[in-house]
Amino acid sequence: QVQLVESGGGLVQPGGSLSLSCAASGSAFSIRSMAWYRQAPGKQRELVARIISGGSTNYADSVKGRFTISRDNAKNTIYLQMNSLKPEDTAVYYCNLDASRNSATVLAWGQGTQVTVSS
């Protein structure tokens, strides 16, 4: 069993910054990638940023240049630094893990953390 625990989020004014973190715990798994998704009310869940095992990253066009995903391999933790936040960034942010264990695929989601950008 792999568990993801998210922290961070909250209420921030437009133009402000927030940081999210997501720690993966469990045993005997090898991470292929970890990512942040978000889901706004009435909308589908969308990929925000992903970091793969080799360190490469990709971002949604809407957050490029404003958000940065990073990781601490020793802690199995990823971070999302969000700068220049806009009201349209308001959503529940979910951490996602894609890993392997004994040649089987392991997928996991965090519980979600609310990010609200409002004046």
PDB file of N, CA and C in Angstrom:
ATOM      1  N   GLN A   1       0.848  -1.195   0.000  1.00  0.00           N
ATOM      2  CA  GLN A   1       0.000   0.000   0.000  1.00  0.00           C
ATOM      3  C   GLN A   1       0.883   1.244   0.000  1.00  0.00           C
ATOM      4  N   VAL A   2       0.610   2.155  -0.907  1.00  0.00           N
ATOM      5  CA  VAL A   2       1.325   3.422  -0.954  1.00  0.00           C
ATOM      6  C   VAL A   2       0.354   4.524  -0.560  1.00  0.00           C
ATOM      7  N   GLN A   3       0.792   5.383   0.319  1.00  0.00           N
ATOM      8  CA  GLN A   3      -0.042   6.505   0.742  1.00  0.00           C
ATOM      9  C   GLN A   3       0.626   7.819   0.400  1.00  0.00           C
ATOM     10  N   LEU A   4      -0.186   8.791   0.040  1.00  0.00           N
ATOM     11  CA  LEU A   4       0.289  10.137  -0.264  1.00  0.00           C
ATOM     12  C   LEU A   4      -0.335  11.096   0.739  1.00  0.00           C
ATOM     13  N   VAL A   5       0.498  11.905   1.353  1.00  0.00           N
ATOM     14  CA  VAL A   5       0.026  12.895   2.313  1.00  0.00           C
ATOM     15  C   VAL A   5       0.412  14.276   1.814  1.00  0.00           C
ATOM     16  N   GLU A   6      -0.589  15.093   1.576  1.00  0.00           N
ATOM     17  CA  GLU A   6      -0.371  16.437   1.055  1.00  0.00           C
ATOM     18  C   GLU A   6      -0.425  17.455   2.187  1.00  0.00           C
ATOM     19  N   SER A   7       0.260  18.556   1.978  1.00  0.00           N
ATOM     20  CA  SER A   7       0.174  19.673   2.908  1.00  0.00           C
ATOM     21  C   SER A   7       0.374  20.959   2.136  1.00  0.00           C
ATOM     22  N   GLY A   8      -0.021  22.037   2.752  1.00  0.00           N
ATOM     23  CA  GLY A   8       0.058  23.340   2.101  1.00  0.00           C
ATOM     24  C   GLY A   8      -1.320  23.758   1.640  1.00  0.00           C
ATOM     25  N   GLY A   9      -1.386  24.693   0.754  1.00  0.00           N
ATOM     26  CA  GLY A   9      -2.655  25.196   0.289  1.00  0.00           C
ATOM     27  C   GLY A   9      -3.201  26.261   1.227  1.00  0.00           C
ATOM     28  N   GLY A  10      -4.390  26.748   0.879  1.00  0.00           N
ATOM     29  CA  GLY A  10      -5.004  27.776   1.686  1.00  0.00           C
ATOM     30  C   GLY A  10      -5.537  28.908   0.842  1.00  0.00           C
ATOM     31  N   LEU A  11      -5.699  30.052   1.479  1.00  0.00           N
ATOM     32  CA  LEU A  11      -6.250  31.243   0.826  1.00  0.00           C
ATOM     33  C   LEU A  11      -5.135  32.257   0.589  1.00  0.00           C
ATOM     34  N   VAL A  12      -5.083  32.776  -0.619  1.00  0.00           N
ATOM     35  CA  VAL A  12      -4.053  33.761  -0.956  1.00  0.00           C
ATOM     36  C   VAL A  12      -4.664  34.792  -1.898  1.00  0.00           C
ATOM     37  N   GLN A  13      -4.136  35.998  -1.866  1.00  0.00           N
ATOM     38  CA  GLN A  13      -4.608  37.041  -2.758  1.00  0.00           C
ATOM     39  C   GLN A  13      -3.999  36.872  -4.145  1.00  0.00           C
ATOM     40  N   PRO A  14      -4.673  37.377  -5.163  1.00  0.00           N
ATOM     41  CA  PRO A  14      -4.093  37.333  -6.514  1.00  0.00           C
ATOM     42  C   PRO A  14      -2.700  37.953  -6.522  1.00  0.00           C
ATOM     43  N   GLY A  15      -1.802  37.274  -7.232  1.00  0.00           N
ATOM     44  CA  GLY A  15      -0.412  37.709  -7.273  1.00  0.00           C
ATOM     45  C   GLY A  15       0.448  37.113  -6.197  1.00  0.00           C
ATOM     46  N   GLY A  16      -0.161  36.436  -5.251  1.00  0.00           N
ATOM     47  CA  GLY A  16       0.576  35.840  -4.142  1.00  0.00           C
ATOM     48  C   GLY A  16       1.163  34.483  -4.488  1.00  0.00           C
ATOM     49  N   SER A  17       1.767  33.871  -3.473  1.00  0.00           N
ATOM     50  CA  SER A  17       2.436  32.579  -3.653  1.00  0.00           C
ATOM     51  C   SER A  17       1.971  31.585  -2.598  1.00  0.00           C
ATOM     52  N   LEU A  18       2.020  30.323  -2.974  1.00  0.00           N
ATOM     53  CA  LEU A  18       1.754  29.215  -2.060  1.00  0.00           C
ATOM     54  C   LEU A  18       2.653  28.058  -2.445  1.00  0.00           C
ATOM     55  N   SER A  19       2.885  27.189  -1.474  1.00  0.00           N
ATOM     56  CA  SER A  19       3.679  26.011  -1.743  1.00  0.00           C
ATOM     57  C   SER A  19       2.930  24.785  -1.230  1.00  0.00           C
ATOM     58  N   LEU A  20       2.907  23.740  -2.045  1.00  0.00           N
ATOM     59  CA  LEU A  20       2.313  22.464  -1.672  1.00  0.00           C
ATOM     60  C   LEU A  20       3.412  21.413  -1.569  1.00  0.00           C
ATOM     61  N   SER A  21       3.176  20.431  -0.717  1.00  0.00           N
ATOM     62  CA  SER A  21       4.090  19.297  -0.655  1.00  0.00           C
ATOM     63  C   SER A  21       3.288  18.010  -0.607  1.00  0.00           C
ATOM     64  N   CYS A  22       3.912  16.937  -1.058  1.00  0.00           N
ATOM     65  CA  CYS A  22       3.270  15.622  -1.083  1.00  0.00           C
ATOM     66  C   CYS A  22       4.327  14.571  -0.779  1.00  0.00           C
ATOM     67  N   ALA A  23       4.109  13.831   0.294  1.00  0.00           N
ATOM     68  CA  ALA A  23       5.049  12.793   0.701  1.00  0.00           C
ATOM     69  C   ALA A  23       4.442  11.417   0.466  1.00  0.00           C
ATOM     70  N   ALA A  24       5.204  10.559  -0.183  1.00  0.00           N
ATOM     71  CA  ALA A  24       4.770   9.184  -0.443  1.00  0.00           C
ATOM     72  C   ALA A  24       5.379   8.254   0.597  1.00  0.00           C
ATOM     73  N   SER A  25       4.563   7.373   1.124  1.00  0.00           N
ATOM     74  CA  SER A  25       5.052   6.384   2.084  1.00  0.00           C
ATOM     75  C   SER A  25       4.546   5.007   1.705  1.00  0.00           C
ATOM     76  N   GLY A  26       5.271   4.002   2.129  1.00  0.00           N
ATOM     77  CA  GLY A  26       4.945   2.620   1.802  1.00  0.00           C
ATOM     78  C   GLY A  26       6.228   1.841   1.701  1.00  0.00           C
ATOM     79  N   SER A  27       6.151   0.675   1.137  1.00  0.00           N
ATOM     80  CA  SER A  27       7.358  -0.144   1.074  1.00  0.00           C
ATOM     81  C   SER A  27       7.561  -0.716  -0.320  1.00  0.00           C
ATOM     82  N   ALA A  28       8.824  -0.865  -0.656  1.00  0.00           N
ATOM     83  CA  ALA A  28       9.239  -1.608  -1.846  1.00  0.00           C
ATOM     84  C   ALA A  28       8.600  -1.117  -3.138  1.00  0.00           C
ATOM     85  N   PHE A  29       8.560   0.187  -3.337  1.00  0.00           N
ATOM     86  CA  PHE A  29       8.059   0.677  -4.608  1.00  0.00           C
ATOM     87  C   PHE A  29       9.106   1.576  -5.251  1.00  0.00           C
ATOM     88  N   SER A  30       9.034   1.622  -6.559  1.00  0.00           N
ATOM     89  CA  SER A  30       9.960   2.443  -7.330  1.00  0.00           C
ATOM     90  C   SER A  30       9.139   3.479  -8.086  1.00  0.00           C
ATOM     91  N   ILE A  31       9.422   4.725  -7.813  1.00  0.00           N
ATOM     92  CA  ILE A  31       8.610   5.786  -8.401  1.00  0.00           C
ATOM     93  C   ILE A  31       8.993   6.016  -9.855  1.00  0.00           C
ATOM     94  N   ARG A  32       7.992   6.017 -10.705  1.00  0.00           N
ATOM     95  CA  ARG A  32       8.191   6.379 -12.107  1.00  0.00           C
ATOM     96  C   ARG A  32       7.973   7.873 -12.292  1.00  0.00           C
ATOM     97  N   SER A  33       6.909   8.369 -11.714  1.00  0.00           N
ATOM     98  CA  SER A  33       6.628   9.791 -11.808  1.00  0.00           C
ATOM     99  C   SER A  33       5.698  10.189 -10.680  1.00  0.00           C
ATOM    100  N   MET A  34       5.734  11.479 -10.365  1.00  0.00           N
ATOM    101  CA  MET A  34       4.769  12.071  -9.450  1.00  0.00           C
ATOM    102  C   MET A  34       4.280  13.355 -10.085  1.00  0.00           C
ATOM    103  N   ALA A  35       3.067  13.715  -9.747  1.00  0.00           N
ATOM    104  CA  ALA A  35       2.458  14.852 -10.434  1.00  0.00           C
ATOM    105  C   ALA A  35       1.463  15.556  -9.519  1.00  0.00           C
ATOM    106  N   TRP A  36       1.129  16.753  -9.923  1.00  0.00           N
ATOM    107  CA  TRP A  36       0.053  17.524  -9.314  1.00  0.00           C
ATOM    108  C   TRP A  36      -1.047  17.705 -10.349  1.00  0.00           C
ATOM    109  N   TYR A  37      -2.269  17.401  -9.941  1.00  0.00           N
ATOM    110  CA  TYR A  37      -3.453  17.661 -10.726  1.00  0.00           C
ATOM    111  C   TYR A  37      -4.308  18.658  -9.945  1.00  0.00           C
ATOM    112  N   ARG A  38      -5.273  19.253 -10.615  1.00  0.00           N
ATOM    113  CA  ARG A  38      -6.225  20.115  -9.914  1.00  0.00           C
ATOM    114  C   ARG A  38      -7.608  19.958 -10.532  1.00  0.00           C
ATOM    115  N   GLN A  39      -8.595  20.229  -9.702  1.00  0.00           N
ATOM    116  CA  GLN A  39      -9.973  20.151 -10.166  1.00  0.00           C
ATOM    117  C   GLN A  39     -10.746  21.321  -9.575  1.00  0.00           C
ATOM    118  N   ALA A  40     -11.232  22.158 -10.456  1.00  0.00           N
ATOM    119  CA  ALA A  40     -12.069  23.283 -10.063  1.00  0.00           C
ATOM    120  C   ALA A  40     -13.527  22.848 -10.098  1.00  0.00           C
ATOM    121  N   PRO A  41     -14.391  23.539  -9.371  1.00  0.00           N
ATOM    122  CA  PRO A  41     -15.814  23.172  -9.364  1.00  0.00           C
ATOM    123  C   PRO A  41     -16.405  23.149 -10.765  1.00  0.00           C
ATOM    124  N   GLY A  42     -17.072  22.052 -11.088  1.00  0.00           N
ATOM    125  CA  GLY A  42     -17.716  21.933 -12.380  1.00  0.00           C
ATOM    126  C   GLY A  42     -16.792  21.621 -13.533  1.00  0.00           C
ATOM    127  N   LYS A  43     -15.522  21.395 -13.233  1.00  0.00           N
ATOM    128  CA  LYS A  43     -14.549  21.109 -14.296  1.00  0.00           C
ATOM    129  C   LYS A  43     -13.893  19.748 -14.075  1.00  0.00           C
ATOM    130  N   GLN A  44     -13.286  19.235 -15.145  1.00  0.00           N
ATOM    131  CA  GLN A  44     -12.573  17.965 -15.037  1.00  0.00           C
ATOM    132  C   GLN A  44     -11.215  18.172 -14.365  1.00  0.00           C
ATOM    133  N   ARG A  45     -10.744  17.111 -13.776  1.00  0.00           N
ATOM    134  CA  ARG A  45      -9.406  17.150 -13.188  1.00  0.00           C
ATOM    135  C   ARG A  45      -8.388  17.286 -14.312  1.00  0.00           C
ATOM    136  N   GLU A  46      -7.408  18.165 -14.101  1.00  0.00           N
ATOM    137  CA  GLU A  46      -6.409  18.410 -15.130  1.00  0.00           C
ATOM    138  C   GLU A  46      -5.003  18.339 -14.551  1.00  0.00           C
ATOM    139  N   LEU A  47      -4.075  17.935 -15.405  1.00  0.00           N
ATOM    140  CA  LEU A  47      -2.678  17.870 -15.007  1.00  0.00           C
ATOM    141  C   LEU A  47      -2.116  19.284 -14.882  1.00  0.00           C
ATOM    142  N   VAL A  48      -1.446  19.534 -13.784  1.00  0.00           N
ATOM    143  CA  VAL A  48      -0.785  20.812 -13.563  1.00  0.00           C
ATOM    144  C   VAL A  48       0.714  20.695 -13.869  1.00  0.00           C
ATOM    145  N   ALA A  49       1.361  19.713 -13.267  1.00  0.00           N
ATOM    146  CA  ALA A  49       2.800  19.534 -13.457  1.00  0.00           C
ATOM    147  C   ALA A  49       3.169  18.101 -13.103  1.00  0.00           C
ATOM    148  N   ARG A  50       4.195  17.597 -13.788  1.00  0.00           N
ATOM    149  CA  ARG A  50       4.666  16.228 -13.562  1.00  0.00           C
ATOM    150  C   ARG A  50       6.182  16.217 -13.531  1.00  0.00           C
ATOM    151  N   ILE A  51       6.734  15.372 -12.671  1.00  0.00           N
ATOM    152  CA  ILE A  51       8.167  15.161 -12.651  1.00  0.00           C
ATOM    153  C   ILE A  51       8.410  13.666 -12.716  1.00  0.00           C
ATOM    154  N   ILE A  52       9.241  13.246 -13.682  1.00  0.00           N
ATOM    155  CA  ILE A  52       9.481  11.815 -13.846  1.00  0.00           C
ATOM    156  C   ILE A  52      10.772  11.424 -13.145  1.00  0.00           C
ATOM    157  N   SER A  53      11.037  10.123 -13.122  1.00  0.00           N
ATOM    158  CA  SER A  53      12.147   9.621 -12.327  1.00  0.00           C
ATOM    159  C   SER A  53      13.480  10.207 -12.739  1.00  0.00           C
ATOM    160  N   GLY A  54      13.649  10.508 -14.035  1.00  0.00           N
ATOM    161  CA  GLY A  54      14.907  11.066 -14.491  1.00  0.00           C
ATOM    162  C   GLY A  54      15.074  12.533 -14.177  1.00  0.00           C
ATOM    163  N   GLY A  55      14.004  13.165 -13.699  1.00  0.00           N
ATOM    164  CA  GLY A  55      14.078  14.572 -13.327  1.00  0.00           C
ATOM    165  C   GLY A  55      13.406  15.512 -14.301  1.00  0.00           C
ATOM    166  N   SER A  56      13.003  14.999 -15.461  1.00  0.00           N
ATOM    167  CA  SER A  56      12.328  15.859 -16.427  1.00  0.00           C
ATOM    168  C   SER A  56      10.973  16.293 -15.890  1.00  0.00           C
ATOM    169  N   THR A  57      10.576  17.465 -16.316  1.00  0.00           N
ATOM    170  CA  THR A  57       9.300  18.008 -15.863  1.00  0.00           C
ATOM    171  C   THR A  57       8.462  18.467 -17.051  1.00  0.00           C
ATOM    172  N   ASN A  58       7.165  18.487 -16.860  1.00  0.00           N
ATOM    173  CA  ASN A  58       6.298  19.135 -17.830  1.00  0.00           C
ATOM    174  C   ASN A  58       5.157  19.820 -17.095  1.00  0.00           C
ATOM    175  N   TYR A  59       4.651  20.856 -17.716  1.00  0.00           N
ATOM    176  CA  TYR A  59       3.660  21.719 -17.096  1.00  0.00           C
ATOM    177  C   TYR A  59       2.492  21.990 -18.036  1.00  0.00           C
ATOM    178  N   ALA A  60       1.350  22.253 -17.449  1.00  0.00           N
ATOM    179  CA  ALA A  60       0.227  22.761 -18.226  1.00  0.00           C
ATOM    180  C   ALA A  60       0.598  24.149 -18.729  1.00  0.00           C
ATOM    181  N   ASP A  61       0.134  24.472 -19.928  1.00  0.00           N
ATOM    182  CA  ASP A  61       0.454  25.786 -20.499  1.00  0.00           C
ATOM    183  C   ASP A  61       0.013  26.919 -19.577  1.00  0.00           C
ATOM    184  N   SER A  62      -1.082  26.709 -18.867  1.00  0.00           N
ATOM    185  CA  SER A  62      -1.656  27.773 -18.041  1.00  0.00           C
ATOM    186  C   SER A  62      -0.795  28.121 -16.830  1.00  0.00           C
ATOM    187  N   VAL A  63       0.153  27.254 -16.472  1.00  0.00           N
ATOM    188  CA  VAL A  63       0.969  27.512 -15.284  1.00  0.00           C
ATOM    189  C   VAL A  63       2.453  27.675 -15.609  1.00  0.00           C
ATOM    190  N   LYS A  64       2.829  27.483 -16.853  1.00  0.00           N
ATOM    191  CA  LYS A  64       4.239  27.615 -17.220  1.00  0.00           C
ATOM    192  C   LYS A  64       4.772  28.994 -16.857  1.00  0.00           C
ATOM    193  N   GLY A  65       5.951  28.993 -16.260  1.00  0.00           N
ATOM    194  CA  GLY A  65       6.571  30.250 -15.860  1.00  0.00           C
ATOM    195  C   GLY A  65       6.111  30.755 -14.505  1.00  0.00           C
ATOM    196  N   ARG A  66       5.064  30.153 -13.945  1.00  0.00           N
ATOM    197  CA  ARG A  66       4.556  30.580 -12.634  1.00  0.00           C
ATOM    198  C   ARG A  66       4.708  29.494 -11.580  1.00  0.00           C
ATOM    199  N   PHE A  67       4.553  28.237 -11.978  1.00  0.00           N
ATOM    200  CA  PHE A  67       4.623  27.111 -11.040  1.00  0.00           C
ATOM    201  C   PHE A  67       5.904  26.336 -11.286  1.00  0.00           C
ATOM    202  N   THR A  68       6.440  25.787 -10.215  1.00  0.00           N
ATOM    203  CA  THR A  68       7.630  24.942 -10.313  1.00  0.00           C
ATOM    204  C   THR A  68       7.431  23.677  -9.495  1.00  0.00           C
ATOM    205  N   ILE A  69       7.613  22.529 -10.138  1.00  0.00           N
ATOM    206  CA  ILE A  69       7.551  21.254  -9.432  1.00  0.00           C
ATOM    207  C   ILE A  69       8.977  20.804  -9.144  1.00  0.00           C
ATOM    208  N   SER A  70       9.191  20.279  -7.956  1.00  0.00           N
ATOM    209  CA  SER A  70      10.512  19.785  -7.585  1.00  0.00           C
ATOM    210  C   SER A  70      10.333  18.569  -6.682  1.00  0.00           C
ATOM    211  N   ARG A  71      11.452  17.907  -6.380  1.00  0.00           N
ATOM    212  CA  ARG A  71      11.330  16.698  -5.575  1.00  0.00           C
ATOM    213  C   ARG A  71      12.547  16.530  -4.670  1.00  0.00           C
ATOM    214  N   ASP A  72      12.321  15.766  -3.617  1.00  0.00           N
ATOM    215  CA  ASP A  72      13.386  15.323  -2.726  1.00  0.00           C
ATOM    216  C   ASP A  72      13.323  13.806  -2.743  1.00  0.00           C
ATOM    217  N   ASN A  73      14.228  13.193  -3.492  1.00  0.00           N
ATOM    218  CA  ASN A  73      14.179  11.739  -3.657  1.00  0.00           C
ATOM    219  C   ASN A  73      14.364  11.000  -2.324  1.00  0.00           C
ATOM    220  N   ALA A  74      15.191  11.541  -1.461  1.00  0.00           N
ATOM    221  CA  ALA A  74      15.457  10.873  -0.188  1.00  0.00           C
ATOM    222  C   ALA A  74      14.200  10.800   0.671  1.00  0.00           C
ATOM    223  N   LYS A  75      13.311  11.756   0.482  1.00  0.00           N
ATOM    224  CA  LYS A  75      12.086  11.799   1.282  1.00  0.00           C
ATOM    225  C   LYS A  75      10.857  11.340   0.513  1.00  0.00           C
ATOM    226  N   ASN A  76      11.048  10.922  -0.760  1.00  0.00           N
ATOM    227  CA  ASN A  76       9.900  10.559  -1.617  1.00  0.00           C
ATOM    228  C   ASN A  76       8.832  11.660  -1.578  1.00  0.00           C
ATOM    229  N   THR A  77       9.287  12.866  -1.716  1.00  0.00           N
ATOM    230  CA  THR A  77       8.403  14.022  -1.578  1.00  0.00           C
ATOM    231  C   THR A  77       8.539  14.930  -2.796  1.00  0.00           C
ATOM    232  N   ILE A  78       7.408  15.441  -3.239  1.00  0.00           N
ATOM    233  CA  ILE A  78       7.434  16.459  -4.280  1.00  0.00           C
ATOM    234  C   ILE A  78       6.822  17.747  -3.737  1.00  0.00           C
ATOM    235  N   TYR A  79       7.176  18.814  -4.411  1.00  0.00           N
ATOM    236  CA  TYR A  79       6.710  20.124  -4.018  1.00  0.00           C
ATOM    237  C   TYR A  79       6.155  20.846  -5.242  1.00  0.00           C
ATOM    238  N   LEU A  80       5.255  21.774  -4.990  1.00  0.00           N
ATOM    239  CA  LEU A  80       4.762  22.637  -6.049  1.00  0.00           C
ATOM    240  C   LEU A  80       4.809  24.069  -5.526  1.00  0.00           C
ATOM    241  N   GLN A  81       5.720  24.838  -6.075  1.00  0.00           N
ATOM    242  CA  GLN A  81       5.805  26.244  -5.735  1.00  0.00           C
ATOM    243  C   GLN A  81       4.960  27.016  -6.733  1.00  0.00           C
ATOM    244  N   MET A  82       3.983  27.731  -6.218  1.00  0.00           N
ATOM    245  CA  MET A  82       3.039  28.452  -7.069  1.00  0.00           C
ATOM    246  C   MET A  82       3.201  29.949  -6.829  1.00  0.00           C
ATOM    247  N   ASN A  83       3.613  30.649  -7.868  1.00  0.00           N
ATOM    248  CA  ASN A  83       3.800  32.091  -7.790  1.00  0.00           C
ATOM    249  C   ASN A  83       2.828  32.802  -8.726  1.00  0.00           C
ATOM    250  N   SER A  84       2.676  34.091  -8.522  1.00  0.00           N
ATOM    251  CA  SER A  84       1.793  34.904  -9.379  1.00  0.00           C
ATOM    252  C   SER A  84       0.434  34.243  -9.545  1.00  0.00           C
ATOM    253  N   LEU A  85      -0.135  33.830  -8.436  1.00  0.00           N
ATOM    254  CA  LEU A  85      -1.402  33.094  -8.485  1.00  0.00           C
ATOM    255  C   LEU A  85      -2.530  33.966  -8.997  1.00  0.00           C
ATOM    256  N   LYS A  86      -3.428  33.306  -9.718  1.00  0.00           N
ATOM    257  CA  LYS A  86      -4.577  33.972 -10.317  1.00  0.00           C
ATOM    258  C   LYS A  86      -5.857  33.346  -9.775  1.00  0.00           C
ATOM    259  N   PRO A  87      -6.964  34.054  -9.817  1.00  0.00           N
ATOM    260  CA  PRO A  87      -8.226  33.460  -9.356  1.00  0.00           C
ATOM    261  C   PRO A  87      -8.554  32.153 -10.069  1.00  0.00           C
ATOM    262  N   GLU A  88      -8.165  32.038 -11.327  1.00  0.00           N
ATOM    263  CA  GLU A  88      -8.457  30.808 -12.071  1.00  0.00           C
ATOM    264  C   GLU A  88      -7.608  29.630 -11.623  1.00  0.00           C
ATOM    265  N   ASP A  89      -6.648  29.855 -10.739  1.00  0.00           N
ATOM    266  CA  ASP A  89      -5.884  28.749 -10.156  1.00  0.00           C
ATOM    267  C   ASP A  89      -6.630  28.111  -8.981  1.00  0.00           C
ATOM    268  N   THR A  90      -7.742  28.708  -8.594  1.00  0.00           N
ATOM    269  CA  THR A  90      -8.534  28.171  -7.487  1.00  0.00           C
ATOM    270  C   THR A  90      -9.047  26.779  -7.836  1.00  0.00           C
ATOM    271  N   ALA A  91      -8.740  25.812  -6.989  1.00  0.00           N
ATOM    272  CA  ALA A  91      -9.112  24.418  -7.236  1.00  0.00           C
ATOM    273  C   ALA A  91      -8.665  23.573  -6.051  1.00  0.00           C
ATOM    274  N   VAL A  92      -9.118  22.327  -6.060  1.00  0.00           N
ATOM    275  CA  VAL A  92      -8.544  21.324  -5.161  1.00  0.00           C
ATOM    276  C   VAL A  92      -7.367  20.690  -5.903  1.00  0.00           C
ATOM    277  N   TYR A  93      -6.220  20.697  -5.270  1.00  0.00           N
ATOM    278  CA  TYR A  93      -5.004  20.164  -5.870  1.00  0.00           C
ATOM    279  C   TYR A  93      -4.740  18.764  -5.311  1.00  0.00           C
ATOM    280  N   TYR A  94      -4.487  17.829  -6.226  1.00  0.00           N
ATOM    281  CA  TYR A  94      -4.266  16.431  -5.858  1.00  0.00           C
ATOM    282  C   TYR A  94      -2.875  15.989  -6.279  1.00  0.00           C
ATOM    283  N   CYS A  95      -2.237  15.263  -5.408  1.00  0.00           N
ATOM    284  CA  CYS A  95      -0.962  14.636  -5.719  1.00  0.00           C
ATOM    285  C   CYS A  95      -1.215  13.257  -6.322  1.00  0.00           C
ATOM    286  N   ASN A  96      -0.400  12.886  -7.284  1.00  0.00           N
ATOM    287  CA  ASN A  96      -0.538  11.595  -7.962  1.00  0.00           C
ATOM    288  C   ASN A  96       0.812  10.910  -8.029  1.00  0.00           C
ATOM    289  N   LEU A  97       0.790   9.590  -7.851  1.00  0.00           N
ATOM    290  CA  LEU A  97       2.014   8.799  -7.944  1.00  0.00           C
ATOM    291  C   LEU A  97       1.816   7.641  -8.909  1.00  0.00           C
ATOM    292  N   ASP A  98       2.812   7.426  -9.735  1.00  0.00           N
ATOM    293  CA  ASP A  98       2.856   6.283 -10.654  1.00  0.00           C
ATOM    294  C   ASP A  98       4.148   5.545 -10.327  1.00  0.00           C
ATOM    295  N   ALA A  99       4.014   4.326  -9.812  1.00  0.00           N
ATOM    296  CA  ALA A  99       5.185   3.589  -9.360  1.00  0.00           C
ATOM    297  C   ALA A  99       5.064   2.129  -9.768  1.00  0.00           C
ATOM    298  N   SER A 100       6.120   1.410  -9.525  1.00  0.00           N
ATOM    299  CA  SER A 100       6.088  -0.030  -9.765  1.00  0.00           C
ATOM    300  C   SER A 100       6.534  -0.753  -8.504  1.00  0.00           C
ATOM    301  N   ARG A 101       5.973  -1.917  -8.321  1.00  0.00           N
ATOM    302  CA  ARG A 101       6.348  -2.784  -7.199  1.00  0.00           C
ATOM    303  C   ARG A 101       6.254  -4.215  -7.694  1.00  0.00           C
ATOM    304  N   ASN A 102       7.397  -4.908  -7.693  1.00  0.00           N
ATOM    305  CA  ASN A 102       7.413  -6.304  -8.171  1.00  0.00           C
ATOM    306  C   ASN A 102       6.805  -6.412  -9.572  1.00  0.00           C
ATOM    307  N   SER A 103       7.169  -5.492 -10.442  1.00  0.00           N
ATOM    308  CA  SER A 103       6.725  -5.449 -11.838  1.00  0.00           C
ATOM    309  C   SER A 103       5.266  -5.074 -12.014  1.00  0.00           C
ATOM    310  N   ALA A 104       4.572  -4.783 -10.946  1.00  0.00           N
ATOM    311  CA  ALA A 104       3.179  -4.352 -11.041  1.00  0.00           C
ATOM    312  C   ALA A 104       3.115  -2.834 -10.911  1.00  0.00           C
ATOM    313  N   THR A 105       2.119  -2.251 -11.560  1.00  0.00           N
ATOM    314  CA  THR A 105       1.938  -0.802 -11.496  1.00  0.00           C
ATOM    315  C   THR A 105       1.175  -0.413 -10.230  1.00  0.00           C
ATOM    316  N   VAL A 106       1.660   0.602  -9.599  1.00  0.00           N
ATOM    317  CA  VAL A 106       1.009   1.144  -8.404  1.00  0.00           C
ATOM    318  C   VAL A 106       0.619   2.583  -8.695  1.00  0.00           C
ATOM    319  N   LEU A 107      -0.645   2.884  -8.558  1.00  0.00           N
ATOM    320  CA  LEU A 107      -1.134   4.246  -8.730  1.00  0.00           C
ATOM    321  C   LEU A 107      -1.766   4.712  -7.425  1.00  0.00           C
ATOM    322  N   ALA A 108      -1.522   5.950  -7.071  1.00  0.00           N
ATOM    323  CA  ALA A 108      -2.085   6.476  -5.833  1.00  0.00           C
ATOM    324  C   ALA A 108      -2.417   7.948  -5.999  1.00  0.00           C
ATOM    325  N   TRP A 109      -3.424   8.380  -5.231  1.00  0.00           N
ATOM    326  CA  TRP A 109      -3.845   9.783  -5.190  1.00  0.00           C
ATOM    327  C   TRP A 109      -3.819  10.275  -3.748  1.00  0.00           C
ATOM    328  N   GLY A 110      -3.480  11.528  -3.596  1.00  0.00           N
ATOM    329  CA  GLY A 110      -3.596  12.162  -2.300  1.00  0.00           C
ATOM    330  C   GLY A 110      -5.042  12.552  -2.029  1.00  0.00           C
ATOM    331  N   GLN A 111      -5.279  13.058  -0.828  1.00  0.00           N
ATOM    332  CA  GLN A 111      -6.637  13.389  -0.414  1.00  0.00           C
ATOM    333  C   GLN A 111      -7.114  14.728  -0.979  1.00  0.00           C
ATOM    334  N   GLY A 112      -6.194  15.514  -1.496  1.00  0.00           N
ATOM    335  CA  GLY A 112      -6.551  16.806  -2.063  1.00  0.00           C
ATOM    336  C   GLY A 112      -6.383  17.924  -1.054  1.00  0.00           C
ATOM    337  N   THR A 113      -5.962  19.073  -1.547  1.00  0.00           N
ATOM    338  CA  THR A 113      -5.829  20.245  -0.693  1.00  0.00           C
ATOM    339  C   THR A 113      -6.371  21.460  -1.446  1.00  0.00           C
ATOM    340  N   GLN A 114      -7.134  22.264  -0.754  1.00  0.00           N
ATOM    341  CA  GLN A 114      -7.813  23.396  -1.392  1.00  0.00           C
ATOM    342  C   GLN A 114      -6.865  24.580  -1.535  1.00  0.00           C
ATOM    343  N   VAL A 115      -6.850  25.142  -2.736  1.00  0.00           N
ATOM    344  CA  VAL A 115      -6.145  26.388  -2.997  1.00  0.00           C
ATOM    345  C   VAL A 115      -7.183  27.397  -3.481  1.00  0.00           C
ATOM    346  N   THR A 116      -7.289  28.505  -2.778  1.00  0.00           N
ATOM    347  CA  THR A 116      -8.244  29.546  -3.141  1.00  0.00           C
ATOM    348  C   THR A 116      -7.500  30.856  -3.357  1.00  0.00           C
ATOM    349  N   VAL A 117      -7.679  31.425  -4.539  1.00  0.00           N
ATOM    350  CA  VAL A 117      -7.037  32.695  -4.874  1.00  0.00           C
ATOM    351  C   VAL A 117      -8.142  33.741  -4.999  1.00  0.00           C
ATOM    352  N   SER A 118      -8.165  34.649  -4.042  1.00  0.00           N
ATOM    353  CA  SER A 118      -9.252  35.623  -3.998  1.00  0.00           C
ATOM    354  C   SER A 118      -8.829  36.838  -3.197  1.00  0.00           C
ATOM    355  N   SER A 119      -9.357  37.974  -3.589  1.00  0.00           N
ATOM    356  CA  SER A 119      -9.087  39.191  -2.834  1.00  0.00           C
ATOM    357  C   SER A 119     -10.200  39.428  -1.820  1.00  0.00           C
TER     358      SER A 119
END
